[in-house]
Amino acid sequence: MEHPNPEQRKRVETEIVEDLGKSAKQLLADVHDESVNATSGLAPLTRTMARFASLLCVLSEQADVQTRRVIRLTHWLIGLTWVLGFLTVGLLAATLILLRIASHTDERVRQIYEIAEQQRHQKEKRDTSTTQKDGIGR
């Protein structure tokens, strides 16, 4: 579909290319300049639009600051997650090692207890046989 006014269309396209190369502050200054130079009937509307453009620029800058902050905090959170993951693996390894040590210690305590029981039984047998010998020999 062809534009009804090709010269105006070409001028608008040229302005778009120029505007894309400008900063937000430069564009805002252009909007305010055009609103001040507007015809008297359109002046209130163009001033309101210029103020709205200012608001959009301020909000854009605030959004940019917040986005950078969120990205920084996200990187920090990812790092913290990795640290907690490594700590979890370390604690799991330490738990397994301590479990192995406890199992070995428990086994050793049982062996010592069994040896002590055997020695006690042997001593009781000796004491019993000595007592019986003493009683028989009298």
Protein backbone atom coordinates (compact mmCIF):
# COMPACT_ATOMS: atom_id res chain seq x y z
CA MET A 1 0.00 0.00 0.00
CA GLU A 2 1.43 3.31 -1.06
CA HIS A 3 1.51 6.27 1.31
CA PRO A 4 -0.73 9.22 0.29
CA ASN A 5 2.12 11.72 0.73
CA PRO A 6 5.44 10.12 -0.36
CA GLU A 7 7.54 13.22 0.45
CA GLN A 8 6.23 13.34 4.01
CA ARG A 9 6.86 9.59 4.35
CA LYS A 10 10.46 10.00 3.17
CA ARG A 11 11.03 12.89 5.62
CA VAL A 12 9.60 10.83 8.50
CA GLU A 13 11.83 7.86 7.64
CA THR A 14 14.88 10.15 7.56
CA GLU A 15 13.95 11.59 10.97
CA ILE A 16 13.53 8.08 12.38
CA VAL A 17 17.06 7.14 11.29
CA GLU A 18 18.40 10.37 12.84
CA ASP A 19 16.42 9.84 16.06
CA LEU A 20 17.71 6.29 16.48
CA GLY A 21 21.23 7.71 16.72
CA LYS A 22 20.31 10.18 19.50
CA SER A 23 20.37 9.68 23.24
CA ALA A 24 17.20 9.75 25.32
CA LYS A 25 18.06 13.23 26.59
CA GLN A 26 18.55 14.57 23.07
CA LEU A 27 15.23 13.10 21.98
CA LEU A 28 13.53 14.57 25.03
CA ALA A 29 14.96 18.01 24.27
CA ASP A 30 13.59 17.73 20.71
CA VAL A 31 10.12 16.80 22.03
CA HIS A 32 10.11 19.79 24.38
CA ASP A 33 11.32 22.13 21.63
CA GLU A 34 8.51 20.99 19.34
CA SER A 35 5.93 21.29 22.13
CA VAL A 36 6.97 24.89 22.84
CA ASN A 37 6.78 25.79 19.13
CA ALA A 38 3.34 24.19 18.67
CA THR A 39 0.38 26.26 17.54
CA SER A 40 -1.61 27.86 20.33
CA GLY A 41 -4.54 25.43 19.98
CA LEU A 42 -2.31 22.37 20.34
CA ALA A 43 0.05 23.82 22.96
CA PRO A 44 -1.60 22.20 26.04
CA LEU A 45 -1.69 18.80 24.35
CA THR A 46 1.90 18.98 23.10
CA ARG A 47 3.15 20.16 26.53
CA THR A 48 1.35 17.24 28.17
CA MET A 49 2.91 14.85 25.68
CA ALA A 50 6.34 16.38 26.36
CA ARG A 51 5.86 15.85 30.11
CA PHE A 52 4.75 12.30 29.45
CA ALA A 53 7.89 11.75 27.36
CA SER A 54 9.94 13.05 30.31
CA LEU A 55 8.18 10.62 32.61
CA LEU A 56 8.91 7.75 30.22
CA CYS A 57 12.62 8.69 30.17
CA VAL A 58 12.80 8.81 33.96
CA LEU A 59 11.02 5.45 34.25
CA SER A 60 13.32 3.98 31.62
CA GLU A 61 16.41 5.07 33.55
CA GLN A 62 14.99 3.70 36.81
CA ALA A 63 14.13 0.41 35.10
CA ASP A 64 17.67 0.21 33.74
CA VAL A 65 19.14 0.74 37.23
CA GLN A 66 16.82 -1.87 38.72
CA THR A 67 17.57 -4.35 35.94
CA ARG A 68 21.31 -4.00 36.55
CA ARG A 69 20.73 -4.50 40.27
CA VAL A 70 18.62 -7.62 39.68
CA ILE A 71 21.27 -9.04 37.36
CA ARG A 72 24.01 -8.37 39.93
CA LEU A 73 21.95 -9.99 42.70
CA THR A 74 21.15 -12.93 40.45
CA HIS A 75 24.85 -13.53 39.81
CA TRP A 76 25.49 -13.32 43.56
CA LEU A 77 22.65 -15.79 44.22
CA ILE A 78 24.00 -18.23 41.65
CA GLY A 79 27.43 -18.05 43.31
CA LEU A 80 25.87 -18.63 46.72
CA THR A 81 23.97 -21.62 45.34
CA TRP A 82 27.23 -23.14 44.07
CA VAL A 83 28.90 -22.57 47.45
CA LEU A 84 25.99 -24.22 49.26
CA GLY A 85 26.12 -27.12 46.81
CA PHE A 86 29.84 -27.66 47.48
CA LEU A 87 29.25 -27.42 51.24
CA THR A 88 26.46 -29.99 50.96
CA VAL A 89 28.73 -32.39 49.08
CA GLY A 90 31.47 -31.84 51.68
CA LEU A 91 29.09 -32.45 54.57
CA LEU A 92 27.77 -35.58 52.89
CA ALA A 93 31.31 -36.89 52.43
CA ALA A 94 32.18 -36.08 56.06
CA THR A 95 29.00 -37.85 57.22
CA LEU A 96 29.89 -40.98 55.23
CA ILE A 97 33.43 -40.97 56.63
CA LEU A 98 32.17 -40.55 60.20
CA LEU A 99 29.60 -43.30 59.63
CA ARG A 100 32.38 -45.63 58.47
CA ILE A 101 34.52 -44.70 61.49
CA ALA A 102 31.57 -45.23 63.86
CA SER A 103 30.81 -48.61 62.29
CA HIS A 104 34.44 -49.69 62.63
CA THR A 105 34.59 -48.42 66.23
CA ASP A 106 31.35 -50.22 67.11
CA GLU A 107 32.74 -53.44 65.65
CA ARG A 108 35.96 -53.03 67.63
CA VAL A 109 34.03 -52.34 70.88
CA ARG A 110 32.03 -55.53 70.31
CA GLN A 111 35.25 -57.52 69.82
CA ILE A 112 36.73 -56.08 73.02
CA TYR A 113 33.52 -56.87 74.90
CA GLU A 114 33.54 -60.47 73.60
CA ILE A 115 37.20 -60.90 74.61
CA ALA A 116 36.44 -59.46 78.05
CA GLU A 117 33.47 -61.84 78.41
CA GLN A 118 35.62 -64.81 77.41
CA GLN A 119 38.30 -63.80 79.92
CA ARG A 120 35.65 -63.37 82.64
CA HIS A 121 34.21 -66.81 81.89
CA GLN A 122 37.68 -68.34 81.94
CA LYS A 123 38.44 -66.63 85.25
CA GLU A 124 35.13 -67.85 86.70
CA LYS A 125 35.94 -71.39 85.57
CA ARG A 126 39.38 -71.14 87.17
CA ASP A 127 37.93 -69.69 90.34
CA THR A 128 35.25 -72.38 90.40
CA SER A 129 37.72 -75.17 89.76
CA THR A 130 40.13 -73.76 92.37
CA THR A 131 37.31 -73.51 94.90
CA GLN A 132 36.26 -77.06 94.15
CA LYS A 133 39.85 -78.32 94.48
CA ASP A 134 40.22 -76.52 97.78
CA GLY A 135 36.94 -77.99 98.98
CA ILE A 136 37.84 -81.54 97.88
CA GLY A 137 41.29 -81.44 99.27
CA ARG A 138 40.19 -80.60 102.84
